[in-house]
N, C-alpha and C. Protein backbone atom coordinates (compact mmCIF):
# COMPACT_ATOMS: atom_id res chain seq x y z
N MET A 1 9.91 -3.48 -8.86
CA MET A 1 10.39 -2.33 -8.15
C MET A 1 11.90 -2.42 -8.06
N GLN A 2 12.50 -1.26 -8.00
CA GLN A 2 13.96 -1.18 -7.88
C GLN A 2 14.26 -0.17 -6.79
N PHE A 3 15.06 -0.59 -5.83
CA PHE A 3 15.44 0.28 -4.72
C PHE A 3 16.93 0.58 -4.82
N THR A 4 17.29 1.83 -4.60
CA THR A 4 18.69 2.23 -4.55
C THR A 4 18.90 2.96 -3.24
N GLY A 5 19.95 2.60 -2.53
CA GLY A 5 20.21 3.26 -1.26
C GLY A 5 21.41 2.66 -0.58
N THR A 6 21.55 2.96 0.69
CA THR A 6 22.66 2.48 1.49
C THR A 6 22.28 1.15 2.13
N ALA A 7 23.15 0.16 1.99
CA ALA A 7 22.89 -1.16 2.56
C ALA A 7 23.91 -1.46 3.65
N GLN A 8 23.47 -2.27 4.60
CA GLN A 8 24.39 -2.72 5.65
C GLN A 8 24.05 -4.17 5.99
N ALA A 9 25.06 -4.89 6.40
CA ALA A 9 24.86 -6.29 6.82
C ALA A 9 24.21 -6.29 8.19
N VAL A 10 23.22 -7.16 8.38
CA VAL A 10 22.52 -7.27 9.66
C VAL A 10 22.37 -8.74 10.02
N GLU A 11 22.13 -9.00 11.27
CA GLU A 11 21.84 -10.36 11.75
C GLU A 11 20.37 -10.37 12.15
N PRO A 12 19.51 -11.05 11.37
CA PRO A 12 18.08 -11.06 11.69
C PRO A 12 17.79 -11.77 13.01
N ALA A 13 16.72 -11.37 13.65
CA ALA A 13 16.29 -12.02 14.88
C ALA A 13 15.90 -13.46 14.57
N ALA A 14 15.96 -14.32 15.57
CA ALA A 14 15.69 -15.74 15.38
C ALA A 14 14.32 -15.97 14.74
N GLY A 15 13.30 -15.23 15.14
CA GLY A 15 11.97 -15.38 14.59
C GLY A 15 11.89 -15.00 13.12
N LYS A 16 12.76 -14.10 12.69
CA LYS A 16 12.77 -13.67 11.29
C LYS A 16 13.49 -14.66 10.39
N LEU A 17 14.44 -15.40 10.91
CA LEU A 17 15.20 -16.35 10.10
C LEU A 17 14.30 -17.41 9.47
N GLU A 18 13.25 -17.80 10.17
CA GLU A 18 12.36 -18.84 9.63
C GLU A 18 11.55 -18.34 8.43
N LEU A 19 11.51 -17.03 8.20
CA LEU A 19 10.80 -16.48 7.05
C LEU A 19 11.59 -16.61 5.76
N PHE A 20 12.89 -16.87 5.86
CA PHE A 20 13.74 -17.03 4.68
C PHE A 20 13.61 -18.44 4.13
N ALA A 21 13.93 -18.60 2.87
CA ALA A 21 13.92 -19.92 2.24
C ALA A 21 14.98 -20.79 2.90
N PRO A 22 14.83 -22.11 2.78
CA PRO A 22 15.85 -22.99 3.36
C PRO A 22 17.19 -22.84 2.64
N VAL A 23 18.25 -23.23 3.31
CA VAL A 23 19.58 -23.14 2.70
C VAL A 23 19.65 -24.11 1.53
N PRO A 24 20.47 -23.83 0.52
CA PRO A 24 20.56 -24.73 -0.63
C PRO A 24 21.16 -26.08 -0.24
N HIS A 25 20.73 -27.13 -0.94
CA HIS A 25 21.26 -28.47 -0.67
C HIS A 25 22.69 -28.62 -1.17
N PHE A 26 23.00 -27.98 -2.28
CA PHE A 26 24.33 -28.10 -2.90
C PHE A 26 24.83 -26.71 -3.26
N THR A 27 26.11 -26.47 -3.04
CA THR A 27 26.76 -25.23 -3.46
C THR A 27 28.13 -25.56 -4.02
N ASP A 28 28.71 -24.63 -4.77
CA ASP A 28 30.05 -24.81 -5.31
C ASP A 28 31.13 -24.53 -4.27
N ALA A 29 30.74 -23.82 -3.21
CA ALA A 29 31.69 -23.44 -2.18
C ALA A 29 30.96 -23.45 -0.83
N VAL A 30 31.60 -22.99 0.19
CA VAL A 30 30.98 -22.91 1.50
C VAL A 30 29.85 -21.89 1.44
N PHE A 31 28.67 -22.28 1.91
CA PHE A 31 27.52 -21.37 1.92
C PHE A 31 27.54 -20.57 3.21
N ASP A 32 27.79 -19.29 3.09
CA ASP A 32 27.84 -18.39 4.24
C ASP A 32 26.92 -17.20 3.95
N PRO A 33 25.63 -17.30 4.29
CA PRO A 33 24.68 -16.24 3.92
C PRO A 33 24.98 -14.92 4.62
N VAL A 34 24.69 -13.85 3.92
CA VAL A 34 24.79 -12.50 4.46
C VAL A 34 23.44 -11.84 4.27
N HIS A 35 22.86 -11.32 5.32
CA HIS A 35 21.57 -10.66 5.25
C HIS A 35 21.82 -9.16 5.20
N MET A 36 21.16 -8.51 4.25
CA MET A 36 21.37 -7.07 4.04
C MET A 36 20.07 -6.32 4.29
N ARG A 37 20.19 -5.14 4.84
CA ARG A 37 19.06 -4.22 4.99
C ARG A 37 19.41 -2.96 4.20
N ILE A 38 18.46 -2.51 3.39
CA ILE A 38 18.70 -1.32 2.58
C ILE A 38 17.86 -0.17 3.10
N GLU A 39 18.47 0.98 3.18
CA GLU A 39 17.78 2.22 3.53
C GLU A 39 17.51 2.93 2.21
N PRO A 40 16.29 2.76 1.64
CA PRO A 40 16.06 3.28 0.28
C PRO A 40 16.15 4.79 0.20
N GLN A 41 16.81 5.25 -0.85
CA GLN A 41 16.89 6.68 -1.14
C GLN A 41 16.15 7.00 -2.43
N PHE A 42 16.12 6.03 -3.35
CA PHE A 42 15.38 6.18 -4.61
C PHE A 42 14.61 4.89 -4.84
N VAL A 43 13.38 5.01 -5.29
CA VAL A 43 12.55 3.85 -5.62
C VAL A 43 11.99 4.07 -7.01
N THR A 44 12.11 3.05 -7.86
CA THR A 44 11.58 3.11 -9.21
C THR A 44 10.60 1.96 -9.39
N VAL A 45 9.45 2.27 -9.97
CA VAL A 45 8.45 1.25 -10.26
C VAL A 45 8.47 1.01 -11.76
N HIS A 46 8.65 -0.24 -12.14
CA HIS A 46 8.62 -0.62 -13.54
C HIS A 46 7.27 -1.27 -13.81
N PRO A 47 6.36 -0.56 -14.47
CA PRO A 47 5.02 -1.11 -14.68
C PRO A 47 5.02 -2.29 -15.63
N LEU A 48 4.05 -3.16 -15.43
CA LEU A 48 3.87 -4.28 -16.36
C LEU A 48 3.29 -3.71 -17.65
N SER A 49 3.88 -4.06 -18.76
CA SER A 49 3.37 -3.57 -20.03
C SER A 49 3.25 -4.72 -21.00
N GLY A 50 2.43 -4.55 -22.00
CA GLY A 50 2.26 -5.57 -23.01
C GLY A 50 1.26 -6.65 -22.63
N ASN A 51 0.59 -6.50 -21.50
CA ASN A 51 -0.41 -7.47 -21.08
C ASN A 51 -1.69 -6.70 -20.78
N PRO A 52 -2.62 -6.63 -21.75
CA PRO A 52 -3.82 -5.81 -21.56
C PRO A 52 -4.69 -6.27 -20.38
N ASP A 53 -4.61 -7.55 -20.00
CA ASP A 53 -5.40 -8.04 -18.86
C ASP A 53 -4.93 -7.46 -17.54
N ARG A 54 -3.68 -7.06 -17.46
CA ARG A 54 -3.13 -6.55 -16.20
C ARG A 54 -2.73 -5.09 -16.31
N GLU A 55 -3.15 -4.42 -17.36
CA GLU A 55 -2.72 -3.05 -17.62
C GLU A 55 -3.04 -2.11 -16.46
N TYR A 56 -4.25 -2.25 -15.86
CA TYR A 56 -4.64 -1.32 -14.81
C TYR A 56 -4.49 -1.92 -13.41
N GLU A 57 -4.15 -3.19 -13.33
CA GLU A 57 -4.04 -3.86 -12.04
C GLU A 57 -2.93 -3.25 -11.19
N HIS A 58 -1.86 -2.79 -11.81
CA HIS A 58 -0.73 -2.24 -11.07
C HIS A 58 -0.51 -0.78 -11.39
N ALA A 59 -1.54 -0.09 -11.80
CA ALA A 59 -1.41 1.33 -12.15
C ALA A 59 -1.14 2.15 -10.90
N LEU A 60 -0.35 3.18 -11.05
CA LEU A 60 -0.03 4.06 -9.93
C LEU A 60 -1.05 5.14 -9.78
């Protein structure tokens, strides 16, 4: 899926932070995460193709 829309930086609630992956062990610079929330205006679904076993599993 691909979402296009307006994004803004947000600070997630403490309970939501634990749902994110752990911070990386090593970085090239200071790790300062930014959490974004997008208000979708356009959504595009890219179907799985070329795999006959899953052809209808994700059909719209």
